[in-house]
C-alpha atoms as a PDB file:
ATOM      1  CA  UNK A   1      -8.446 -26.563 -28.012  1.00  0.00           C
ATOM      2  CA  UNK A   2      -7.380 -23.407 -26.332  1.00  0.00           C
ATOM      3  CA  UNK A   3      -7.813 -20.697 -28.601  1.00  0.00           C
ATOM      4  CA  UNK A   4      -7.285 -10.868 -26.752  1.00  0.00           C
ATOM      5  CA  UNK A   5      -8.526  -8.742 -27.273  1.00  0.00           C
ATOM      6  CA  UNK A   6      -8.891  -7.396 -30.756  1.00  0.00           C
ATOM      7  CA  UNK A   7      -6.432  -4.519 -30.957  1.00  0.00           C
ATOM      8  CA  UNK A   8      -7.093  -3.278 -27.442  1.00  0.00           C
ATOM      9  CA  UNK A   9      -4.812  -0.558 -26.044  1.00  0.00           C
ATOM     10  CA  UNK A  10      -1.784  -2.216 -24.492  1.00  0.00           C
ATOM     11  CA  UNK A  11      -0.519  -0.920 -21.194  1.00  0.00           C
ATOM     12  CA  UNK A  12       2.934   0.593 -21.190  1.00  0.00           C
ATOM     13  CA  UNK A  13       3.992  -2.147 -18.808  1.00  0.00           C
ATOM     14  CA  UNK A  14       4.112  -4.433 -21.814  1.00  0.00           C
ATOM     15  CA  UNK A  15       7.205  -2.584 -22.935  1.00  0.00           C
ATOM     16  CA  UNK A  16       9.005  -3.879 -19.866  1.00  0.00           C
ATOM     17  CA  UNK A  17       7.958  -7.512 -20.106  1.00  0.00           C
ATOM     18  CA  UNK A  18      10.944  -9.783 -19.914  1.00  0.00           C
ATOM     19  CA  UNK A  19      11.242 -12.583 -22.412  1.00  0.00           C
ATOM     20  CA  UNK A  20      13.828 -15.331 -22.220  1.00  0.00           C
ATOM     21  CA  UNK A  21      14.693 -18.586 -23.903  1.00  0.00           C
ATOM     22  CA  UNK A  22      14.967 -20.473 -20.633  1.00  0.00           C
ATOM     23  CA  UNK A  23      13.588 -24.021 -20.501  1.00  0.00           C
ATOM     24  CA  UNK A  24       9.905 -24.304 -19.688  1.00  0.00           C
ATOM     25  CA  UNK A  25       8.967 -24.847 -16.062  1.00  0.00           C
ATOM     26  CA  UNK A  26       7.269 -27.950 -14.723  1.00  0.00           C
ATOM     27  CA  UNK A  27       3.976 -26.091 -14.895  1.00  0.00           C
ATOM     28  CA  UNK A  28       2.798 -26.048 -18.499  1.00  0.00           C
ATOM     29  CA  UNK A  29       1.571 -22.540 -19.196  1.00  0.00           C
ATOM     30  CA  UNK A  30      -1.438 -22.028 -21.426  1.00  0.00           C
ATOM     31  CA  UNK A  31      -0.605 -18.511 -22.618  1.00  0.00           C
ATOM     32  CA  UNK A  32       2.172 -16.926 -20.526  1.00  0.00           C
ATOM     33  CA  UNK A  33       4.818 -18.501 -18.322  1.00  0.00           C
ATOM     34  CA  UNK A  34       6.946 -17.309 -15.430  1.00  0.00           C
ATOM     35  CA  UNK A  35       9.917 -17.431 -17.822  1.00  0.00           C
ATOM     36  CA  UNK A  36       8.213 -14.809 -19.993  1.00  0.00           C
ATOM     37  CA  UNK A  37       7.085 -12.487 -17.238  1.00  0.00           C
ATOM     38  CA  UNK A  38       9.117 -11.745 -14.114  1.00  0.00           C
ATOM     39  CA  UNK A  39       6.940  -9.518 -11.952  1.00  0.00           C
ATOM     40  CA  UNK A  40       9.721  -9.111  -9.386  1.00  0.00           C
ATOM     41  CA  UNK A  41      11.534  -6.983 -11.961  1.00  0.00           C
ATOM     42  CA  UNK A  42       8.472  -4.808 -12.566  1.00  0.00           C
ATOM     43  CA  UNK A  43       7.075  -4.233  -9.080  1.00  0.00           C
ATOM     44  CA  UNK A  44       8.575  -1.989  -6.434  1.00  0.00           C
ATOM     45  CA  UNK A  45       9.389  -3.943  -3.269  1.00  0.00           C
ATOM     46  CA  UNK A  46       6.864  -3.797  -0.424  1.00  0.00           C
ATOM     47  CA  UNK A  47       7.459  -1.322   2.404  1.00  0.00           C
ATOM     48  CA  UNK A  48      10.357  -2.194   4.702  1.00  0.00           C
ATOM     49  CA  UNK A  49       9.256  -3.617   8.091  1.00  0.00           C
ATOM     50  CA  UNK A  50      10.077  -0.573  10.229  1.00  0.00           C
ATOM     51  CA  UNK A  51       9.405   2.091   7.611  1.00  0.00           C
ATOM     52  CA  UNK A  52       6.832   4.878   7.775  1.00  0.00           C
ATOM     53  CA  UNK A  53       5.160   3.318   4.728  1.00  0.00           C
ATOM     54  CA  UNK A  54       4.731   0.049   6.620  1.00  0.00           C
ATOM     55  CA  UNK A  55       3.270   1.905   9.599  1.00  0.00           C
ATOM     56  CA  UNK A  56       0.814   3.681   7.299  1.00  0.00           C
ATOM     57  CA  UNK A  57      -0.091   0.352   5.668  1.00  0.00           C
ATOM     58  CA  UNK A  58      -0.835  -1.227   9.045  1.00  0.00           C
ATOM     59  CA  UNK A  59      -2.772   1.840  10.186  1.00  0.00           C
ATOM     60  CA  UNK A  60      -5.008   1.539   7.124  1.00  0.00           C
ATOM     61  CA  UNK A  61      -5.747  -2.113   7.908  1.00  0.00           C
ATOM     62  CA  UNK A  62      -6.608  -1.283  11.524  1.00  0.00           C
ATOM     63  CA  UNK A  63      -8.818   1.603  10.393  1.00  0.00           C
ATOM     64  CA  UNK A  64     -10.688  -0.648   7.952  1.00  0.00           C
ATOM     65  CA  UNK A  65     -11.145  -3.197  10.750  1.00  0.00           C
ATOM     66  CA  UNK A  66     -12.500  -0.554  13.114  1.00  0.00           C
ATOM     67  CA  UNK A  67     -15.049   0.767  10.636  1.00  0.00           C
ATOM     68  CA  UNK A  68     -16.145  -2.440   8.872  1.00  0.00           C
ATOM     69  CA  UNK A  69     -19.820  -3.219   9.116  1.00  0.00           C
ATOM     70  CA  UNK A  70     -21.319  -6.652   9.535  1.00  0.00           C
ATOM     71  CA  UNK A  71     -22.387  -6.568   5.890  1.00  0.00           C
ATOM     72  CA  UNK A  72     -18.888  -5.597   4.726  1.00  0.00           C
ATOM     73  CA  UNK A  73     -17.352  -8.330   6.849  1.00  0.00           C
ATOM     74  CA  UNK A  74     -19.729 -10.932   5.425  1.00  0.00           C
ATOM     75  CA  UNK A  75     -18.964  -9.866   1.859  1.00  0.00           C
ATOM     76  CA  UNK A  76     -15.219  -9.844   2.529  1.00  0.00           C
ATOM     77  CA  UNK A  77     -15.348 -13.400   3.856  1.00  0.00           C
ATOM     78  CA  UNK A  78     -17.401 -14.574   0.885  1.00  0.00           C
ATOM     79  CA  UNK A  79     -14.874 -12.939  -1.431  1.00  0.00           C
ATOM     80  CA  UNK A  80     -12.253 -15.386  -0.265  1.00  0.00           C
ATOM     81  CA  UNK A  81     -13.837 -17.543  -2.987  1.00  0.00           C
ATOM     82  CA  UNK A  82     -11.667 -17.078  -6.071  1.00  0.00           C
ATOM     83  CA  UNK A  83     -14.015 -18.401  -8.747  1.00  0.00           C
ATOM     84  CA  UNK A  84     -14.953 -16.326 -11.769  1.00  0.00           C
ATOM     85  CA  UNK A  85     -18.588 -16.532 -10.750  1.00  0.00           C
ATOM     86  CA  UNK A  86     -17.883 -15.115  -7.292  1.00  0.00           C
ATOM     87  CA  UNK A  87     -15.678 -12.315  -8.600  1.00  0.00           C
ATOM     88  CA  UNK A  88     -18.401 -11.381 -11.111  1.00  0.00           C
ATOM     89  CA  UNK A  89     -21.069 -11.555  -8.404  1.00  0.00           C
ATOM     90  CA  UNK A  90     -24.082  -9.390  -9.243  1.00  0.00           C
ATOM     91  CA  UNK A  91     -22.849  -8.271 -12.652  1.00  0.00           C
ATOM     92  CA  UNK A  92     -24.621 -10.432 -15.215  1.00  0.00           C
ATOM     93  CA  UNK A  93     -27.720 -12.044 -13.736  1.00  0.00           C
ATOM     94  CA  UNK A  94     -28.931 -15.623 -13.455  1.00  0.00           C
ATOM     95  CA  UNK A  95     -27.641 -16.754 -16.859  1.00  0.00           C
ATOM     96  CA  UNK A  96     -24.023 -16.247 -15.802  1.00  0.00           C
ATOM     97  CA  UNK A  97     -23.241 -19.816 -14.698  1.00  0.00           C
ATOM     98  CA  UNK A  98     -20.577 -22.456 -15.455  1.00  0.00           C
ATOM     99  CA  UNK A  99     -23.228 -24.652 -17.063  1.00  0.00           C
ATOM    100  CA  UNK A 100     -24.248 -21.909 -19.492  1.00  0.00           C
ATOM    101  CA  UNK A 101     -20.673 -20.789 -20.146  1.00  0.00           C
ATOM    102  CA  UNK A 102     -18.392 -23.822 -20.572  1.00  0.00           C
ATOM    103  CA  UNK A 103     -15.999 -22.125 -23.026  1.00  0.00           C
ATOM    104  CA  UNK A 104     -15.620 -19.054 -20.835  1.00  0.00           C
ATOM    105  CA  UNK A 105     -15.044 -21.235 -17.780  1.00  0.00           C
ATOM    106  CA  UNK A 106     -12.276 -23.277 -19.406  1.00  0.00           C
ATOM    107  CA  UNK A 107     -10.654 -20.190 -20.930  1.00  0.00           C
ATOM    108  CA  UNK A 108     -10.728 -18.339 -17.614  1.00  0.00           C
ATOM    109  CA  UNK A 109      -9.223 -21.265 -15.742  1.00  0.00           C
ATOM    110  CA  UNK A 110      -6.299 -21.344 -18.201  1.00  0.00           C
ATOM    111  CA  UNK A 111      -5.711 -17.613 -17.687  1.00  0.00           C
ATOM    112  CA  UNK A 112      -5.835 -17.867 -13.896  1.00  0.00           C
ATOM    113  CA  UNK A 113      -3.629 -20.968 -13.891  1.00  0.00           C
ATOM    114  CA  UNK A 114      -0.905 -18.968 -15.613  1.00  0.00           C
ATOM    115  CA  UNK A 115      -1.392 -15.990 -13.293  1.00  0.00           C
ATOM    116  CA  UNK A 116      -1.220 -18.122 -10.138  1.00  0.00           C
ATOM    117  CA  UNK A 117       2.035 -19.775 -11.262  1.00  0.00           C
ATOM    118  CA  UNK A 118       3.624 -16.383 -11.925  1.00  0.00           C
ATOM    119  CA  UNK A 119       2.372 -14.922  -8.635  1.00  0.00           C
ATOM    120  CA  UNK A 120       3.646 -17.835  -6.561  1.00  0.00           C
ATOM    121  CA  UNK A 121       7.208 -17.113  -7.640  1.00  0.00           C
ATOM    122  CA  UNK A 122       6.738 -13.381  -7.148  1.00  0.00           C
ATOM    123  CA  UNK A 123       5.431 -13.765  -3.600  1.00  0.00           C
ATOM    124  CA  UNK A 124       8.416 -15.955  -2.733  1.00  0.00           C
ATOM    125  CA  UNK A 125      10.843 -13.162  -3.646  1.00  0.00           C
ATOM    126  CA  UNK A 126       9.688 -10.987  -0.733  1.00  0.00           C
ATOM    127  CA  UNK A 127       7.679 -13.384   1.467  1.00  0.00           C
ATOM    128  CA  UNK A 128       6.035 -10.435   3.210  1.00  0.00           C
ATOM    129  CA  UNK A 129       4.186 -11.318   6.435  1.00  0.00           C
ATOM    130  CA  UNK A 130       0.421 -10.809   6.464  1.00  0.00           C
ATOM    131  CA  UNK A 131      -1.092  -8.018   8.592  1.00  0.00           C
ATOM    132  CA  UNK A 132      -2.389 -10.460  11.209  1.00  0.00           C
ATOM    133  CA  UNK A 133       1.141 -11.879  11.553  1.00  0.00           C
ATOM    134  CA  UNK A 134       2.617  -8.408  11.989  1.00  0.00           C
ATOM    135  CA  UNK A 135       0.238  -7.036  14.617  1.00  0.00           C
ATOM    136  CA  UNK A 136      -1.852  -8.679  17.323  1.00  0.00           C
ATOM    137  CA  UNK A 137      -4.228  -5.767  16.881  1.00  0.00           C
ATOM    138  CA  UNK A 138      -5.348  -7.133  13.520  1.00  0.00           C
ATOM    139  CA  UNK A 139      -8.314  -9.474  13.923  1.00  0.00           C
ATOM    140  CA  UNK A 140      -8.523 -11.110  10.523  1.00  0.00           C
ATOM    141  CA  UNK A 141     -11.686 -12.829   9.358  1.00  0.00           C
ATOM    142  CA  UNK A 142     -12.210 -15.690   6.951  1.00  0.00           C
ATOM    143  CA  UNK A 143      -9.502 -18.013   5.729  1.00  0.00           C
ATOM    144  CA  UNK A 144      -5.997 -17.059   6.869  1.00  0.00           C
ATOM    145  CA  UNK A 145      -3.498 -17.796   4.127  1.00  0.00           C
ATOM    146  CA  UNK A 146       0.137 -18.523   4.933  1.00  0.00           C
ATOM    147  CA  UNK A 147       1.521 -17.400   1.569  1.00  0.00           C
ATOM    148  CA  UNK A 148       3.389 -14.118   1.186  1.00  0.00           C
ATOM    149  CA  UNK A 149       1.256 -10.997   1.442  1.00  0.00           C
ATOM    150  CA  UNK A 150       2.793  -9.107  -1.504  1.00  0.00           C
ATOM    151  CA  UNK A 151       1.441  -8.849  -4.118  1.00  0.00           C
ATOM    152  CA  UNK A 152      -2.141  -9.860  -3.381  1.00  0.00           C
ATOM    153  CA  UNK A 153      -3.315 -12.828  -5.406  1.00  0.00           C
ATOM    154  CA  UNK A 154      -6.965 -11.905  -4.883  1.00  0.00           C
ATOM    155  CA  UNK A 155      -6.402  -8.330  -6.061  1.00  0.00           C
ATOM    156  CA  UNK A 156      -4.566  -9.701  -9.087  1.00  0.00           C
ATOM    157  CA  UNK A 157      -7.482 -12.016  -9.879  1.00  0.00           C
ATOM    158  CA  UNK A 158     -10.029  -9.258  -9.355  1.00  0.00           C
ATOM    159  CA  UNK A 159      -8.276  -6.817 -11.667  1.00  0.00           C
ATOM    160  CA  UNK A 160      -7.370  -9.428 -14.294  1.00  0.00           C
ATOM    161  CA  UNK A 161     -10.954 -10.695 -14.302  1.00  0.00           C
ATOM    162  CA  UNK A 162     -12.206  -7.125 -14.696  1.00  0.00           C
ATOM    163  CA  UNK A 163      -9.879  -6.490 -17.635  1.00  0.00           C
ATOM    164  CA  UNK A 164     -11.045  -9.645 -19.410  1.00  0.00           C
ATOM    165  CA  UNK A 165     -14.767  -9.209 -18.750  1.00  0.00           C
ATOM    166  CA  UNK A 166     -14.746  -5.479 -19.547  1.00  0.00           C
ATOM    167  CA  UNK A 167     -13.237  -6.297 -22.931  1.00  0.00           C
ATOM    168  CA  UNK A 168     -15.958  -8.881 -23.507  1.00  0.00           C
ATOM    169  CA  UNK A 169     -18.841  -6.716 -22.292  1.00  0.00           C
ATOM    170  CA  UNK A 170     -17.703  -3.089 -22.641  1.00  0.00           C
ATOM    171  CA  UNK A 171     -21.307  -1.951 -22.088  1.00  0.00           C
ATOM    172  CA  UNK A 172     -20.798  -2.756 -18.392  1.00  0.00           C
ATOM    173  CA  UNK A 173     -17.123  -1.843 -18.044  1.00  0.00           C
ATOM    174  CA  UNK A 174     -17.665   0.720 -15.261  1.00  0.00           C
ATOM    175  CA  UNK A 175     -19.545  -1.798 -13.093  1.00  0.00           C
ATOM    176  CA  UNK A 176     -17.071  -4.566 -13.898  1.00  0.00           C
ATOM    177  CA  UNK A 177     -14.028  -2.521 -12.897  1.00  0.00           C
ATOM    178  CA  UNK A 178     -15.782  -1.290  -9.755  1.00  0.00           C
ATOM    179  CA  UNK A 179     -16.448  -4.886  -8.709  1.00  0.00           C
ATOM    180  CA  UNK A 180     -12.851  -5.899  -9.474  1.00  0.00           C
ATOM    181  CA  UNK A 181     -11.627  -3.064  -7.253  1.00  0.00           C
ATOM    182  CA  UNK A 182     -14.037  -3.991  -4.446  1.00  0.00           C
ATOM    183  CA  UNK A 183     -12.921  -7.612  -4.621  1.00  0.00           C
ATOM    184  CA  UNK A 184      -9.325  -6.580  -3.960  1.00  0.00           C
ATOM    185  CA  UNK A 185     -10.146  -4.026  -1.278  1.00  0.00           C
ATOM    186  CA  UNK A 186     -12.175  -6.584   0.637  1.00  0.00           C
ATOM    187  CA  UNK A 187      -8.864  -8.233   1.485  1.00  0.00           C
ATOM    188  CA  UNK A 188      -7.950  -5.141   3.510  1.00  0.00           C
ATOM    189  CA  UNK A 189     -11.342  -5.232   5.230  1.00  0.00           C
ATOM    190  CA  UNK A 190     -10.722  -8.895   6.066  1.00  0.00           C
ATOM    191  CA  UNK A 191      -7.351  -8.017   7.599  1.00  0.00           C
ATOM    192  CA  UNK A 192      -5.392 -10.385   5.378  1.00  0.00           C
ATOM    193  CA  UNK A 193      -3.647  -7.833   3.129  1.00  0.00           C
ATOM    194  CA  UNK A 194      -2.106  -4.384   3.292  1.00  0.00           C
ATOM    195  CA  UNK A 195      -3.165  -1.630   0.840  1.00  0.00           C
ATOM    196  CA  UNK A 196       0.227  -1.843  -0.899  1.00  0.00           C
ATOM    197  CA  UNK A 197      -0.416  -5.568  -1.492  1.00  0.00           C
ATOM    198  CA  UNK A 198      -3.611  -4.658  -3.298  1.00  0.00           C
ATOM    199  CA  UNK A 199      -1.893  -2.040  -5.440  1.00  0.00           C
ATOM    200  CA  UNK A 200       0.834  -4.554  -6.262  1.00  0.00           C
ATOM    201  CA  UNK A 201      -1.843  -7.039  -7.289  1.00  0.00           C
ATOM    202  CA  UNK A 202      -3.500  -4.560  -9.637  1.00  0.00           C
ATOM    203  CA  UNK A 203      -0.183  -3.720 -11.273  1.00  0.00           C
ATOM    204  CA  UNK A 204       0.544  -7.430 -11.594  1.00  0.00           C
ATOM    205  CA  UNK A 205      -2.786  -8.038 -13.303  1.00  0.00           C
ATOM    206  CA  UNK A 206      -2.140  -5.245 -15.786  1.00  0.00           C
ATOM    207  CA  UNK A 207       1.300  -6.635 -16.623  1.00  0.00           C
ATOM    208  CA  UNK A 208      -0.103 -10.158 -17.060  1.00  0.00           C
ATOM    209  CA  UNK A 209      -2.922  -8.869 -19.263  1.00  0.00           C
ATOM    210  CA  UNK A 210      -0.436  -6.958 -21.429  1.00  0.00           C
ATOM    211  CA  UNK A 211       1.468 -10.184 -22.140  1.00  0.00           C
ATOM    212  CA  UNK A 212      -1.687 -12.209 -22.692  1.00  0.00           C
ATOM    213  CA  UNK A 213      -2.765  -9.722 -25.330  1.00  0.00           C
ATOM    214  CA  UNK A 214       0.258 -10.647 -27.437  1.00  0.00           C
ATOM    215  CA  UNK A 215      -0.497 -14.370 -27.481  1.00  0.00           C
ATOM    216  CA  UNK A 216      -2.288 -15.684 -30.581  1.00  0.00           C
ATOM    217  CA  UNK A 217      -3.808 -18.684 -28.798  1.00  0.00           C
ATOM    218  CA  UNK A 218      -5.168 -16.380 -26.120  1.00  0.00           C
ATOM    219  CA  UNK A 219      -6.730 -14.155 -28.775  1.00  0.00           C
ATOM    220  CA  UNK A 220      -8.562 -17.093 -30.355  1.00  0.00           C
ATOM    221  CA  UNK A 221      -9.781 -18.478 -27.032  1.00  0.00           C
ATOM    222  CA  UNK A 222     -10.812 -15.013 -25.857  1.00  0.00           C
ATOM    223  CA  UNK A 223     -12.915 -14.420 -28.954  1.00  0.00           C
ATOM    224  CA  UNK A 224     -14.699 -17.784 -28.608  1.00  0.00           C
ATOM    225  CA  UNK A 225     -15.417 -17.170 -24.918  1.00  0.00           C
ATOM    226  CA  UNK A 226     -16.566 -13.612 -25.652  1.00  0.00           C
ATOM    227  CA  UNK A 227     -18.991 -14.798 -28.334  1.00  0.00           C
ATOM    228  CA  UNK A 228     -20.407 -17.394 -25.945  1.00  0.00           C
ATOM    229  CA  UNK A 229     -20.861 -14.888 -23.124  1.00  0.00           C
ATOM    230  CA  UNK A 230     -22.505 -12.233 -25.293  1.00  0.00           C
ATOM    231  CA  UNK A 231     -24.867 -14.831 -26.732  1.00  0.00           C
ATOM    232  CA  UNK A 232     -25.882 -16.050 -23.264  1.00  0.00           C
ATOM    233  CA  UNK A 233     -26.454 -12.458 -22.121  1.00  0.00           C
ATOM    234  CA  UNK A 234     -28.522 -11.698 -25.223  1.00  0.00           C
ATOM    235  CA  UNK A 235     -26.080  -9.077 -26.473  1.00  0.00           C
ATOM    236  CA  UNK A 236     -25.147  -8.342 -30.070  1.00  0.00           C
ATOM    237  CA  UNK A 237     -21.961 -10.099 -31.263  1.00  0.00           C
END
């Protein structure tokens, strides 16, 4: 069974979440569907192709490329991996594994499945070209995705993961949020996203989390996964 955070503060974005009685999509959502949350109505559009904002976005990518170290490049490439255990890299020690955390793993996969379905539709609205497709001066590293650049799926995952884990282990919230931010920003270092894509991803994650927090099944599953994680980490319930 799939089972929120107990009375956590809800972002103001939740006030703008769009609900509808439309038929369910082919994808069977676990907690929140694309019919419940239309991110295209919440996010500002990405910068126009010839705008000053677009030029600044591209300049930031080129600057990150110019200054990236070998270590940063290696970490950015590794962060193409979208698993929970990669995103949480270095946060919880050797006990933080899928084998030790089966409930958390299943719960997380349900959350991300919903988020990916929502993001796919959102990206299609704008279909923004990636930095390496816009400028020959961008030398991207790692896997080169062909999906729309805005909003960033990786930044969404990083921020959404941080929100969930920080609510499970508030003792480490500062480190968790810092890692979630780094995970998104590594997409700029890799040359596969603009800074505005990353910001759009973080806003998307916050909106998704706000809706998740209203779902009773999510609350039950979250609490079971939280108890499992805190037990494995040797933390008080």
